[in-house]
Structures are given as structure tokens and as C-alpha cells.
């Protein structure tokens, strides 16, 4: 066996160390556990708010005749004679179609005293102005109607009582009723 001197031993060790240092590193697979993963965020949700348009206000003008009949008077302006009481354009600008907003009419008949005339409006409608034509001594007289005395908002009902003649205390006949209606739909 040959003896190895100290010098040779250091040379061999140096060569081996350099060889180790120059060796290509080998990467083994890297795996991470779920503990190192970032959490998945929930998708962003967008809430869409739908705003409803405000109700549309429409005005109508009608005449209730003594045959439980409704007649459109939306074009009635400047009342001058018998049978025309309200100047509907002075209040608002009504459109045609008001009779469709009358849910029912009852007891609107000539000579039906003391039974009141009853008009029920469709939901969403309220009276704006009213007048009655009253028969007085063979002629007709327009008489304004107090809103509070005839309107029941809980039932959407207008009740027109026959007025009393102050001269003799007797009830007068109603010829017809005119109503301006405000409807929000």
C-alpha cells in the first residue's frame, strides 16, 4: 500500500470538494400543503336596485245622469247654460276616459227622493271637484258640493244627498252630478 502524504491528501480532498461544489443541483418536486394556499374570494355580487316610476296622475271629468249613466265631459269649458256646471279646464286639464274610472253608480234616478245618489270610484282615484244640478221650480241650478260631506275615502264612495229647499223644507231632485276625478296609476 502506498502511503499518502499529507500534501496528496489535501489535494484529493480539494478535488473532491470542488467536484461536489460543481455538481448540478437536482430539484425534487416541491409540494405545498393547503395551509400555504391563498383562500379563494367569493365572486363580487352587484345588487341592482330597480326604482319604480312615480305614479302617473291623470284627471278626468264626468257627468252622472239620472239613468245611472256616466258621460265624459273632459272638453267642457266656460259653462254658460243649463246642464253644464263645472269649468273643468279651469281646474286641471282632464282627458277622455273618465267613465272607465267609475266602479259603480247606484240610485241615480229622477224623482227618487230621499234615496241618495251613490258613485263609487275605482281604486287610486279621488274626487277633485264636484257639483250637482238641482231642480228648483222647473229650472236647474248648479250647486257646488262640499268634498267632505260626500266623500268616503275608506270605500272610495261619493254619496250625494238630496238637498233640502229652505223655503218649504222639502227635498229637491238632483238632475245630474259633475265630478272632476284625480287618478294615480
N, C-alpha and C. Protein backbone atom coordinates (compact mmCIF):
# COMPACT_ATOMS: atom_id res chain seq x y z
N UNK A 1 0.83 -1.15 0.00
CA UNK A 1 0.00 0.00 0.00
C UNK A 1 0.88 1.22 0.00
N UNK A 2 0.43 2.16 -0.74
CA UNK A 2 1.20 3.38 -0.80
C UNK A 2 0.79 4.29 0.32
N UNK A 3 1.73 4.94 0.69
CA UNK A 3 1.43 5.90 1.73
C UNK A 3 1.04 7.22 1.10
N UNK A 4 0.17 7.78 1.64
CA UNK A 4 -0.33 9.04 1.11
C UNK A 4 0.20 10.13 2.04
N UNK A 5 0.79 11.05 1.38
CA UNK A 5 1.34 12.14 2.19
C UNK A 5 0.21 13.12 2.49
N UNK A 6 0.59 13.92 3.40
CA UNK A 6 -0.38 14.91 3.83
C UNK A 6 -0.71 15.81 2.66
N UNK A 7 0.23 16.18 1.85
CA UNK A 7 0.03 17.06 0.73
C UNK A 7 -0.92 16.43 -0.27
N UNK A 8 -0.75 15.16 -0.57
CA UNK A 8 -1.62 14.47 -1.52
C UNK A 8 -3.04 14.37 -0.97
N UNK A 9 -3.10 14.16 0.29
CA UNK A 9 -4.41 14.03 0.92
C UNK A 9 -5.18 15.35 0.79
N UNK A 10 -4.51 16.42 0.99
CA UNK A 10 -5.19 17.70 0.87
C UNK A 10 -5.61 17.95 -0.57
N UNK A 11 -4.75 17.54 -1.54
CA UNK A 11 -5.09 17.70 -2.95
C UNK A 11 -6.33 16.89 -3.30
N UNK A 12 -6.37 15.65 -2.88
CA UNK A 12 -7.53 14.80 -3.19
C UNK A 12 -8.81 15.36 -2.54
N UNK A 13 -8.66 15.85 -1.36
CA UNK A 13 -9.82 16.42 -0.67
C UNK A 13 -10.31 17.67 -1.37
N UNK A 14 -9.35 18.46 -1.89
CA UNK A 14 -9.74 19.67 -2.58
C UNK A 14 -10.45 19.33 -3.88
N UNK A 15 -9.96 18.33 -4.62
CA UNK A 15 -10.60 17.92 -5.88
C UNK A 15 -12.00 17.40 -5.61
N UNK A 16 -12.14 16.61 -4.60
CA UNK A 16 -13.45 16.04 -4.26
C UNK A 16 -14.42 17.17 -3.86
N UNK A 17 -13.93 18.11 -3.09
CA UNK A 17 -14.79 19.21 -2.65
C UNK A 17 -15.23 20.08 -3.81
N UNK A 18 -14.31 20.33 -4.78
CA UNK A 18 -14.67 21.11 -5.95
C UNK A 18 -15.69 20.36 -6.78
N UNK A 19 -15.48 19.07 -6.91
CA UNK A 19 -16.42 18.25 -7.68
C UNK A 19 -17.81 18.31 -7.05
N UNK A 20 -17.85 18.28 -5.77
CA UNK A 20 -19.15 18.35 -5.09
C UNK A 20 -19.78 19.73 -5.29
N UNK A 21 -18.92 20.75 -5.27
CA UNK A 21 -19.45 22.10 -5.41
C UNK A 21 -19.98 22.35 -6.81
N UNK A 22 -19.39 21.72 -7.82
CA UNK A 22 -19.81 21.91 -9.20
C UNK A 22 -20.90 20.93 -9.62
N UNK A 23 -21.32 20.10 -8.82
CA UNK A 23 -22.37 19.14 -9.18
C UNK A 23 -23.68 19.88 -9.45
N UNK A 24 -24.40 19.48 -10.47
CA UNK A 24 -25.66 20.11 -10.83
C UNK A 24 -26.69 19.79 -9.76
N UNK A 25 -27.27 20.82 -9.21
CA UNK A 25 -28.25 20.53 -8.17
C UNK A 25 -29.49 19.86 -8.78
N UNK A 26 -30.06 18.95 -8.10
CA UNK A 26 -31.25 18.23 -8.54
C UNK A 26 -32.42 18.75 -7.69
N UNK A 27 -33.47 19.21 -8.40
CA UNK A 27 -34.64 19.72 -7.69
C UNK A 27 -35.67 18.61 -7.62
N UNK A 28 -36.01 18.30 -6.45
CA UNK A 28 -37.07 17.33 -6.26
C UNK A 28 -38.40 18.09 -6.33
N UNK A 29 -39.47 17.39 -6.46
CA UNK A 29 -40.77 18.06 -6.56
C UNK A 29 -41.05 18.84 -5.28
N UNK A 30 -41.65 20.00 -5.50
CA UNK A 30 -42.00 20.84 -4.37
C UNK A 30 -43.51 20.78 -4.22
N UNK A 31 -43.95 20.47 -3.09
CA UNK A 31 -45.40 20.48 -2.86
C UNK A 31 -45.67 21.26 -1.60
N UNK A 32 -46.76 22.01 -1.70
CA UNK A 32 -47.16 22.78 -0.53
C UNK A 32 -48.49 22.25 -0.05
N UNK A 33 -48.68 22.31 1.20
CA UNK A 33 -49.96 21.87 1.73
C UNK A 33 -50.96 23.01 1.57
N UNK A 34 -52.24 22.75 1.79
CA UNK A 34 -53.29 23.77 1.67
C UNK A 34 -53.09 24.90 2.67
N UNK A 35 -52.32 24.66 3.66
CA UNK A 35 -52.09 25.69 4.67
C UNK A 35 -51.39 26.90 4.08
N UNK A 36 -50.64 26.70 2.99
CA UNK A 36 -49.92 27.80 2.37
C UNK A 36 -50.71 28.44 1.22
N UNK A 37 -51.82 27.89 0.84
CA UNK A 37 -52.59 28.41 -0.28
C UNK A 37 -53.39 29.63 0.15
N UNK A 38 -53.61 30.55 -0.81
CA UNK A 38 -54.44 31.69 -0.52
C UNK A 38 -55.89 31.25 -0.62
N UNK A 39 -56.72 31.87 0.18
CA UNK A 39 -58.14 31.49 0.12
C UNK A 39 -58.77 32.12 -1.12
N UNK A 40 -59.72 31.42 -1.69
CA UNK A 40 -60.43 31.90 -2.88
C UNK A 40 -61.50 32.86 -2.41
N UNK A 41 -61.51 34.05 -2.98
CA UNK A 41 -62.52 35.01 -2.56
C UNK A 41 -63.82 34.72 -3.29
N UNK A 42 -64.90 35.07 -2.62
CA UNK A 42 -66.23 34.89 -3.22
C UNK A 42 -66.37 35.86 -4.38
N UNK A 43 -67.10 35.47 -5.42
CA UNK A 43 -67.29 36.41 -6.53
C UNK A 43 -68.04 37.65 -6.04
N UNK A 44 -67.70 38.79 -6.55
CA UNK A 44 -68.35 40.03 -6.17
C UNK A 44 -69.76 40.04 -6.75
N UNK A 45 -70.71 40.30 -5.91
CA UNK A 45 -72.09 40.37 -6.38
C UNK A 45 -72.50 41.83 -6.43
N UNK A 46 -73.23 42.16 -7.45
CA UNK A 46 -73.72 43.52 -7.62
C UNK A 46 -75.22 43.51 -7.42
N UNK A 47 -75.68 44.35 -6.54
CA UNK A 47 -77.11 44.45 -6.29
C UNK A 47 -77.66 45.56 -7.17
N UNK A 48 -78.64 45.22 -7.96
CA UNK A 48 -79.28 46.20 -8.82
C UNK A 48 -80.58 46.65 -8.15
N UNK A 49 -80.69 47.92 -7.94
CA UNK A 49 -81.90 48.46 -7.35
C UNK A 49 -82.78 49.01 -8.47
N UNK A 50 -83.97 48.48 -8.55
CA UNK A 50 -84.91 48.95 -9.56
C UNK A 50 -85.81 49.97 -8.90
N UNK A 51 -85.79 51.14 -9.43
CA UNK A 51 -86.68 52.17 -8.89
C UNK A 51 -87.92 52.21 -9.76
N UNK A 52 -89.03 52.24 -9.10
CA UNK A 52 -90.28 52.31 -9.85
C UNK A 52 -90.61 53.77 -10.10
N UNK A 53 -91.14 54.00 -11.23
CA UNK A 53 -91.51 55.37 -11.59
C UNK A 53 -92.64 55.83 -10.68
N UNK A 54 -92.67 57.10 -10.38
CA UNK A 54 -93.78 57.59 -9.56
C UNK A 54 -95.09 57.40 -10.30
N UNK A 55 -96.18 57.28 -9.55
CA UNK A 55 -97.46 57.08 -10.23
C UNK A 55 -97.79 58.25 -11.16
N UNK A 56 -98.47 57.93 -12.22
CA UNK A 56 -98.89 58.95 -13.17
C UNK A 56 -100.25 59.48 -12.72
N UNK A 57 -100.35 60.78 -12.60
CA UNK A 57 -101.61 61.39 -12.19
C UNK A 57 -102.36 61.84 -13.44
N UNK A 58 -103.59 61.37 -13.56
CA UNK A 58 -104.43 61.72 -14.70
C UNK A 58 -105.75 62.27 -14.17
N UNK A 59 -106.25 63.28 -14.85
CA UNK A 59 -107.50 63.91 -14.44
C UNK A 59 -108.59 63.60 -15.46
N UNK A 60 -109.78 63.36 -14.95
CA UNK A 60 -110.94 63.06 -15.79
C UNK A 60 -112.10 63.94 -15.33
N UNK A 61 -113.05 64.15 -16.21
CA UNK A 61 -114.27 64.88 -15.85
C UNK A 61 -115.46 64.09 -16.39
N UNK A 62 -116.41 63.82 -15.51
CA UNK A 62 -117.58 63.02 -15.89
C UNK A 62 -118.85 63.67 -15.37
N UNK A 63 -119.93 63.28 -16.01
CA UNK A 63 -121.26 63.70 -15.56
C UNK A 63 -122.06 62.43 -15.33
N UNK A 64 -122.68 62.36 -14.14
CA UNK A 64 -123.55 61.23 -13.80
C UNK A 64 -124.98 61.70 -14.06
N UNK A 65 -125.66 60.98 -14.94
CA UNK A 65 -127.03 61.34 -15.33
C UNK A 65 -128.03 60.50 -14.54
N UNK A 66 -129.30 60.92 -14.55
CA UNK A 66 -130.31 60.24 -13.74
C UNK A 66 -130.77 58.89 -14.30
N UNK A 67 -129.94 58.27 -15.08
CA UNK A 67 -130.26 56.93 -15.60
C UNK A 67 -129.13 55.96 -15.22
N UNK A 68 -128.39 56.31 -14.14
CA UNK A 68 -127.20 55.54 -13.74
C UNK A 68 -126.18 55.49 -14.87
N UNK A 69 -126.15 56.56 -15.67
CA UNK A 69 -125.26 56.61 -16.82
C UNK A 69 -124.16 57.64 -16.58
N UNK A 70 -122.94 57.30 -17.07
CA UNK A 70 -121.80 58.20 -16.99
C UNK A 70 -121.52 58.76 -18.38
N UNK A 71 -121.25 60.09 -18.44
CA UNK A 71 -120.92 60.75 -19.70
C UNK A 71 -119.61 61.52 -19.50
N UNK A 72 -118.71 61.39 -20.48
CA UNK A 72 -117.43 62.09 -20.43
C UNK A 72 -117.65 63.57 -20.73
N UNK A 73 -117.15 64.46 -19.87
CA UNK A 73 -117.25 65.90 -20.11
C UNK A 73 -115.86 66.54 -20.06
N UNK A 74 -114.84 65.81 -20.51
CA UNK A 74 -113.47 66.30 -20.41
C UNK A 74 -113.24 67.59 -21.19
N UNK A 75 -114.02 67.85 -22.22
CA UNK A 75 -113.84 69.06 -23.02
C UNK A 75 -114.71 70.22 -22.60
N UNK A 76 -115.42 70.09 -21.50
CA UNK A 76 -116.37 71.12 -21.06
C UNK A 76 -115.63 72.34 -20.52
N UNK A 77 -115.82 73.48 -21.16
CA UNK A 77 -115.20 74.72 -20.69
C UNK A 77 -116.24 75.84 -20.68
N UNK A 78 -115.97 76.84 -19.89
CA UNK A 78 -116.82 78.03 -19.80
C UNK A 78 -118.30 77.70 -19.73
N UNK A 79 -118.75 77.08 -18.64
CA UNK A 79 -120.17 76.74 -18.55
C UNK A 79 -121.04 77.98 -18.63
N UNK A 80 -122.03 77.90 -19.49
CA UNK A 80 -122.87 79.07 -19.68
C UNK A 80 -124.35 78.79 -19.51
N UNK A 81 -124.76 77.58 -19.75
CA UNK A 81 -126.20 77.34 -19.71
C UNK A 81 -126.56 76.18 -18.82
N UNK A 82 -127.82 75.83 -18.88
CA UNK A 82 -128.28 74.71 -18.09
C UNK A 82 -127.62 73.42 -18.56
N UNK A 83 -127.36 72.59 -17.63
CA UNK A 83 -126.78 71.29 -17.97
C UNK A 83 -125.27 71.27 -17.99
N UNK A 84 -124.66 72.40 -17.70
CA UNK A 84 -123.20 72.46 -17.65
C UNK A 84 -122.82 73.30 -16.44
N UNK A 85 -122.13 72.68 -15.49
CA UNK A 85 -121.87 73.35 -14.22
C UNK A 85 -120.40 73.66 -14.00
N UNK A 86 -119.53 72.68 -14.09
CA UNK A 86 -118.11 72.88 -13.81
C UNK A 86 -117.34 73.32 -15.05
N UNK A 87 -116.46 74.27 -14.87
CA UNK A 87 -115.50 74.63 -15.91
C UNK A 87 -114.28 73.76 -15.64
N UNK A 88 -114.28 72.55 -16.19
CA UNK A 88 -113.27 71.56 -15.81
C UNK A 88 -111.86 71.96 -16.23
N UNK A 89 -111.70 72.72 -17.31
CA UNK A 89 -110.36 73.13 -17.73
C UNK A 89 -109.78 74.21 -16.84
N UNK A 90 -110.61 74.88 -16.04
CA UNK A 90 -110.11 75.91 -15.14
C UNK A 90 -109.37 75.27 -13.96
N UNK A 91 -109.69 74.05 -13.66
CA UNK A 91 -109.09 73.36 -12.52
C UNK A 91 -107.84 72.60 -12.96
N UNK A 92 -107.99 71.72 -13.93
CA UNK A 92 -106.92 70.87 -14.47
C UNK A 92 -107.21 70.65 -15.95
N UNK A 93 -106.40 69.89 -16.61
CA UNK A 93 -106.68 69.53 -18.00
C UNK A 93 -107.07 68.06 -18.03
N UNK A 94 -108.36 67.77 -17.98
CA UNK A 94 -108.79 66.37 -17.98
C UNK A 94 -108.69 65.74 -19.36
N UNK A 95 -108.59 64.43 -19.36
CA UNK A 95 -108.57 63.66 -20.60
C UNK A 95 -109.82 62.80 -20.67
N UNK A 96 -110.11 62.32 -21.85
CA UNK A 96 -111.28 61.44 -22.03
C UNK A 96 -111.01 60.10 -21.35
N UNK A 97 -112.06 59.40 -21.01
CA UNK A 97 -111.95 58.06 -20.44
C UNK A 97 -112.32 57.98 -18.98
N UNK A 98 -112.87 59.05 -18.43
CA UNK A 98 -113.20 59.07 -17.01
C UNK A 98 -114.26 58.07 -16.59
N UNK A 99 -115.17 57.74 -17.49
CA UNK A 99 -116.24 56.80 -17.11
C UNK A 99 -115.68 55.42 -16.78
N UNK A 100 -114.52 55.09 -17.34
CA UNK A 100 -113.88 53.81 -17.01
C UNK A 100 -113.35 53.81 -15.58
N UNK A 101 -113.23 54.97 -14.96
CA UNK A 101 -112.73 55.08 -13.59
C UNK A 101 -113.86 55.08 -12.56
N UNK A 102 -115.08 54.97 -13.05
CA UNK A 102 -116.25 54.86 -12.16
C UNK A 102 -116.53 53.38 -11.97
N UNK A 103 -116.37 52.90 -10.74
CA UNK A 103 -116.59 51.47 -10.46
C UNK A 103 -118.07 51.12 -10.49
N UNK A 104 -118.91 52.01 -9.94
CA UNK A 104 -120.35 51.74 -9.97
C UNK A 104 -121.13 53.03 -9.69
N UNK A 105 -122.36 53.01 -10.17
CA UNK A 105 -123.31 54.10 -9.93
C UNK A 105 -124.60 53.44 -9.47
N UNK A 106 -125.17 53.96 -8.40
CA UNK A 106 -126.46 53.40 -7.98
C UNK A 106 -127.39 54.51 -7.51
N UNK A 107 -128.65 54.25 -7.69
CA UNK A 107 -129.74 55.14 -7.25
C UNK A 107 -129.76 56.49 -7.96
N UNK A 108 -129.09 56.61 -9.09
CA UNK A 108 -129.12 57.88 -9.83
C UNK A 108 -130.35 57.87 -10.73
N UNK A 109 -131.46 58.29 -10.15
CA UNK A 109 -132.74 58.31 -10.88
C UNK A 109 -133.47 59.61 -10.56
N UNK A 110 -134.29 60.04 -11.50
CA UNK A 110 -135.12 61.21 -11.25
C UNK A 110 -136.20 60.84 -10.24
N UNK A 111 -136.58 61.80 -9.47
CA UNK A 111 -137.68 61.65 -8.52
C UNK A 111 -137.48 60.45 -7.59
N UNK A 112 -136.27 60.25 -7.10
CA UNK A 112 -136.04 59.13 -6.18
C UNK A 112 -135.80 59.60 -4.74
N UNK A 113 -136.29 60.79 -4.42
CA UNK A 113 -136.11 61.31 -3.07
C UNK A 113 -136.70 60.32 -2.07
N UNK A 114 -136.13 60.10 -0.96
CA UNK A 114 -134.94 60.67 -0.34
C UNK A 114 -133.66 59.85 -0.60
N UNK A 115 -133.74 58.86 -1.46
CA UNK A 115 -132.59 57.97 -1.68
C UNK A 115 -131.42 58.75 -2.33
N UNK A 116 -130.23 58.73 -1.71
CA UNK A 116 -129.10 59.47 -2.26
C UNK A 116 -128.50 58.77 -3.49
N UNK A 117 -127.87 59.55 -4.34
CA UNK A 117 -127.13 59.01 -5.48
C UNK A 117 -125.77 58.55 -4.94
N UNK A 118 -125.34 57.38 -5.37
CA UNK A 118 -124.06 56.82 -4.88
C UNK A 118 -123.17 56.52 -6.07
N UNK A 119 -121.94 57.04 -6.02
CA UNK A 119 -120.95 56.81 -7.08
C UNK A 119 -119.69 56.27 -6.41
N UNK A 120 -119.24 55.11 -6.87
CA UNK A 120 -118.01 54.50 -6.34
C UNK A 120 -116.92 54.66 -7.38
N UNK A 121 -115.80 55.25 -6.95
CA UNK A 121 -114.66 55.43 -7.85
C UNK A 121 -113.73 54.23 -7.79
N UNK A 122 -113.01 54.03 -8.87
CA UNK A 122 -112.02 52.96 -8.96
C UNK A 122 -110.91 53.23 -7.94
N UNK A 123 -110.24 52.18 -7.44
CA UNK A 123 -109.12 52.35 -6.52
C UNK A 123 -108.07 53.26 -7.16
N UNK A 124 -107.47 54.12 -6.37
CA UNK A 124 -106.45 55.04 -6.86
C UNK A 124 -107.02 56.36 -7.35
N UNK A 125 -108.33 56.51 -7.31
CA UNK A 125 -108.98 57.74 -7.78
C UNK A 125 -109.65 58.46 -6.62
N UNK A 126 -109.61 59.79 -6.68
CA UNK A 126 -110.28 60.62 -5.69
C UNK A 126 -110.96 61.78 -6.40
N UNK A 127 -112.03 62.32 -5.81
CA UNK A 127 -112.68 63.47 -6.43
C UNK A 127 -111.88 64.73 -6.18
N UNK A 128 -111.81 65.58 -7.18
CA UNK A 128 -111.10 66.85 -7.04
C UNK A 128 -112.09 68.00 -6.89
N UNK A 129 -113.15 67.96 -7.68
CA UNK A 129 -114.19 68.99 -7.62
C UNK A 129 -115.51 68.35 -8.01
N UNK A 130 -116.59 68.84 -7.44
CA UNK A 130 -117.91 68.28 -7.71
C UNK A 130 -118.98 69.36 -7.69
N UNK A 131 -120.03 69.10 -8.44
CA UNK A 131 -121.18 69.99 -8.42
C UNK A 131 -122.42 69.18 -8.77
N UNK A 132 -123.53 69.60 -8.21
CA UNK A 132 -124.82 68.98 -8.52
C UNK A 132 -125.69 70.00 -9.23
N UNK A 133 -126.47 69.51 -10.16
CA UNK A 133 -127.52 70.34 -10.73
C UNK A 133 -128.80 69.95 -10.00
N UNK A 134 -129.40 70.94 -9.41
CA UNK A 134 -130.60 70.71 -8.61
C UNK A 134 -131.80 71.32 -9.33
N UNK A 135 -132.88 70.54 -9.36
CA UNK A 135 -134.13 71.06 -9.94
C UNK A 135 -134.79 71.98 -8.91
N UNK A 136 -135.02 73.23 -9.35
CA UNK A 136 -135.65 74.20 -8.46
C UNK A 136 -136.75 74.91 -9.23
N UNK A 137 -137.97 74.61 -8.89
CA UNK A 137 -139.11 75.28 -9.50
C UNK A 137 -139.12 75.23 -11.02
N UNK A 138 -138.84 74.09 -11.57
CA UNK A 138 -138.90 73.93 -13.03
C UNK A 138 -137.60 74.31 -13.73
N UNK A 139 -136.66 74.89 -13.03
CA UNK A 139 -135.37 75.20 -13.65
C UNK A 139 -134.25 74.44 -12.93
N UNK A 140 -133.09 74.50 -13.53
CA UNK A 140 -131.94 73.81 -12.93
C UNK A 140 -130.98 74.83 -12.35
N UNK A 141 -130.42 74.48 -11.22
CA UNK A 141 -129.47 75.37 -10.57
C UNK A 141 -128.22 74.57 -10.21
N UNK A 142 -127.06 75.13 -10.58
CA UNK A 142 -125.80 74.50 -10.25
C UNK A 142 -125.48 74.75 -8.77
N UNK A 143 -125.13 73.72 -8.07
CA UNK A 143 -124.81 73.84 -6.65
C UNK A 143 -123.48 73.15 -6.39
N UNK A 144 -122.50 73.89 -5.90
CA UNK A 144 -121.20 73.30 -5.55
C UNK A 144 -121.39 72.29 -4.42
N UNK A 145 -120.56 71.28 -4.42
CA UNK A 145 -120.69 70.23 -3.41
C UNK A 145 -119.43 70.23 -2.54
N UNK A 146 -119.63 70.24 -1.23
CA UNK A 146 -118.53 70.18 -0.29
C UNK A 146 -117.93 68.78 -0.29
N UNK A 147 -116.65 68.71 -0.58
CA UNK A 147 -115.91 67.45 -0.67
C UNK A 147 -116.12 66.57 0.56
N UNK A 148 -115.95 67.15 1.73
CA UNK A 148 -116.04 66.39 2.97
C UNK A 148 -117.42 65.83 3.27
N UNK A 149 -118.45 66.47 2.72
CA UNK A 149 -119.81 66.00 3.02
C UNK A 149 -120.24 64.80 2.18
N UNK A 150 -119.53 64.51 1.09
CA UNK A 150 -119.96 63.42 0.21
C UNK A 150 -118.92 62.31 0.04
N UNK A 151 -117.64 62.56 0.33
CA UNK A 151 -116.57 61.62 0.02
C UNK A 151 -116.22 60.74 1.22
N UNK A 152 -116.21 59.42 0.99
CA UNK A 152 -115.74 58.45 1.99
C UNK A 152 -114.51 57.76 1.39
N UNK A 153 -113.31 58.18 1.82
CA UNK A 153 -112.07 57.65 1.25
C UNK A 153 -111.86 56.16 1.54
N UNK A 154 -112.40 55.68 2.66
CA UNK A 154 -112.23 54.27 3.02
C UNK A 154 -112.92 53.34 2.02
N UNK A 155 -114.02 53.81 1.44
CA UNK A 155 -114.77 52.97 0.50
C UNK A 155 -114.76 53.52 -0.93
N UNK A 156 -114.04 54.63 -1.15
CA UNK A 156 -114.00 55.29 -2.47
C UNK A 156 -115.39 55.67 -2.96
N UNK A 157 -116.24 56.06 -2.03
CA UNK A 157 -117.64 56.31 -2.35
C UNK A 157 -118.01 57.78 -2.20
N UNK A 158 -118.75 58.26 -3.19
CA UNK A 158 -119.37 59.59 -3.14
C UNK A 158 -120.87 59.37 -2.93
N UNK A 159 -121.43 60.01 -1.93
CA UNK A 159 -122.86 59.89 -1.65
C UNK A 159 -123.48 61.28 -1.73
N UNK A 160 -124.34 61.47 -2.72
CA UNK A 160 -124.97 62.78 -2.94
C UNK A 160 -126.39 62.74 -2.39
N UNK A 161 -126.59 63.45 -1.27
CA UNK A 161 -127.91 63.55 -0.65
C UNK A 161 -128.73 64.60 -1.40
N UNK A 162 -130.02 64.41 -1.42
CA UNK A 162 -130.92 65.42 -2.00
C UNK A 162 -130.94 66.62 -1.06
N UNK A 163 -130.69 67.81 -1.60
CA UNK A 163 -130.70 68.99 -0.73
C UNK A 163 -132.12 69.36 -0.31
N UNK A 164 -132.20 70.03 0.79
CA UNK A 164 -133.49 70.49 1.31
C UNK A 164 -133.74 71.92 0.86
N UNK A 165 -134.96 72.16 0.39
CA UNK A 165 -135.37 73.51 -0.01
C UNK A 165 -135.64 74.30 1.28
N UNK A 166 -134.86 75.35 1.52
CA UNK A 166 -135.06 76.10 2.78
C UNK A 166 -136.42 76.80 2.86
N UNK A 167 -137.04 77.05 1.72
CA UNK A 167 -138.34 77.74 1.72
C UNK A 167 -139.45 76.87 2.26
N UNK A 168 -139.43 75.57 1.90
CA UNK A 168 -140.54 74.71 2.32
C UNK A 168 -140.10 73.45 3.08
N UNK A 169 -138.78 73.25 3.22
CA UNK A 169 -138.28 72.09 3.98
C UNK A 169 -138.36 70.78 3.22
N UNK A 170 -138.76 70.82 1.95
CA UNK A 170 -138.88 69.59 1.17
C UNK A 170 -137.56 69.31 0.45
N UNK A 171 -137.34 68.03 0.15
CA UNK A 171 -136.14 67.64 -0.59
C UNK A 171 -136.27 68.01 -2.05
N UNK A 172 -135.16 68.43 -2.64
CA UNK A 172 -135.13 68.77 -4.06
C UNK A 172 -134.60 67.57 -4.85
N UNK A 173 -134.96 67.55 -6.13
CA UNK A 173 -134.45 66.49 -7.01
C UNK A 173 -133.07 66.86 -7.55
N UNK A 174 -132.25 65.85 -7.75
CA UNK A 174 -130.95 66.04 -8.39
C UNK A 174 -131.15 65.77 -9.87
N UNK A 175 -130.69 66.68 -10.71
CA UNK A 175 -130.78 66.49 -12.16
C UNK A 175 -129.59 65.68 -12.66
N UNK A 176 -128.39 66.07 -12.27
CA UNK A 176 -127.19 65.32 -12.60
C UNK A 176 -126.04 65.81 -11.71
N UNK A 177 -124.95 65.06 -11.71
CA UNK A 177 -123.78 65.39 -10.90
C UNK A 177 -122.57 65.44 -11.82
N UNK A 178 -121.73 66.46 -11.64
CA UNK A 178 -120.48 66.57 -12.39
C UNK A 178 -119.31 66.37 -11.42
N UNK A 179 -118.33 65.60 -11.84
CA UNK A 179 -117.19 65.28 -10.97
C UNK A 179 -115.89 65.38 -11.76
N UNK A 180 -114.91 66.06 -11.19
CA UNK A 180 -113.54 66.02 -11.73
C UNK A 180 -112.80 65.04 -10.84
N UNK A 181 -112.18 64.04 -11.48
CA UNK A 181 -111.54 62.93 -10.77
C UNK A 181 -110.03 62.99 -10.99
N UNK A 182 -109.29 62.73 -9.93
CA UNK A 182 -107.82 62.62 -10.00
C UNK A 182 -107.47 61.15 -9.73
N UNK A 183 -106.77 60.52 -10.70
CA UNK A 183 -106.40 59.11 -10.54
C UNK A 183 -104.88 58.96 -10.64
N UNK A 184 -104.32 58.23 -9.69
CA UNK A 184 -102.88 57.93 -9.70
C UNK A 184 -102.72 56.46 -9.98
N UNK A 185 -102.11 56.15 -11.12
CA UNK A 185 -101.94 54.75 -11.53
C UNK A 185 -100.47 54.49 -11.80
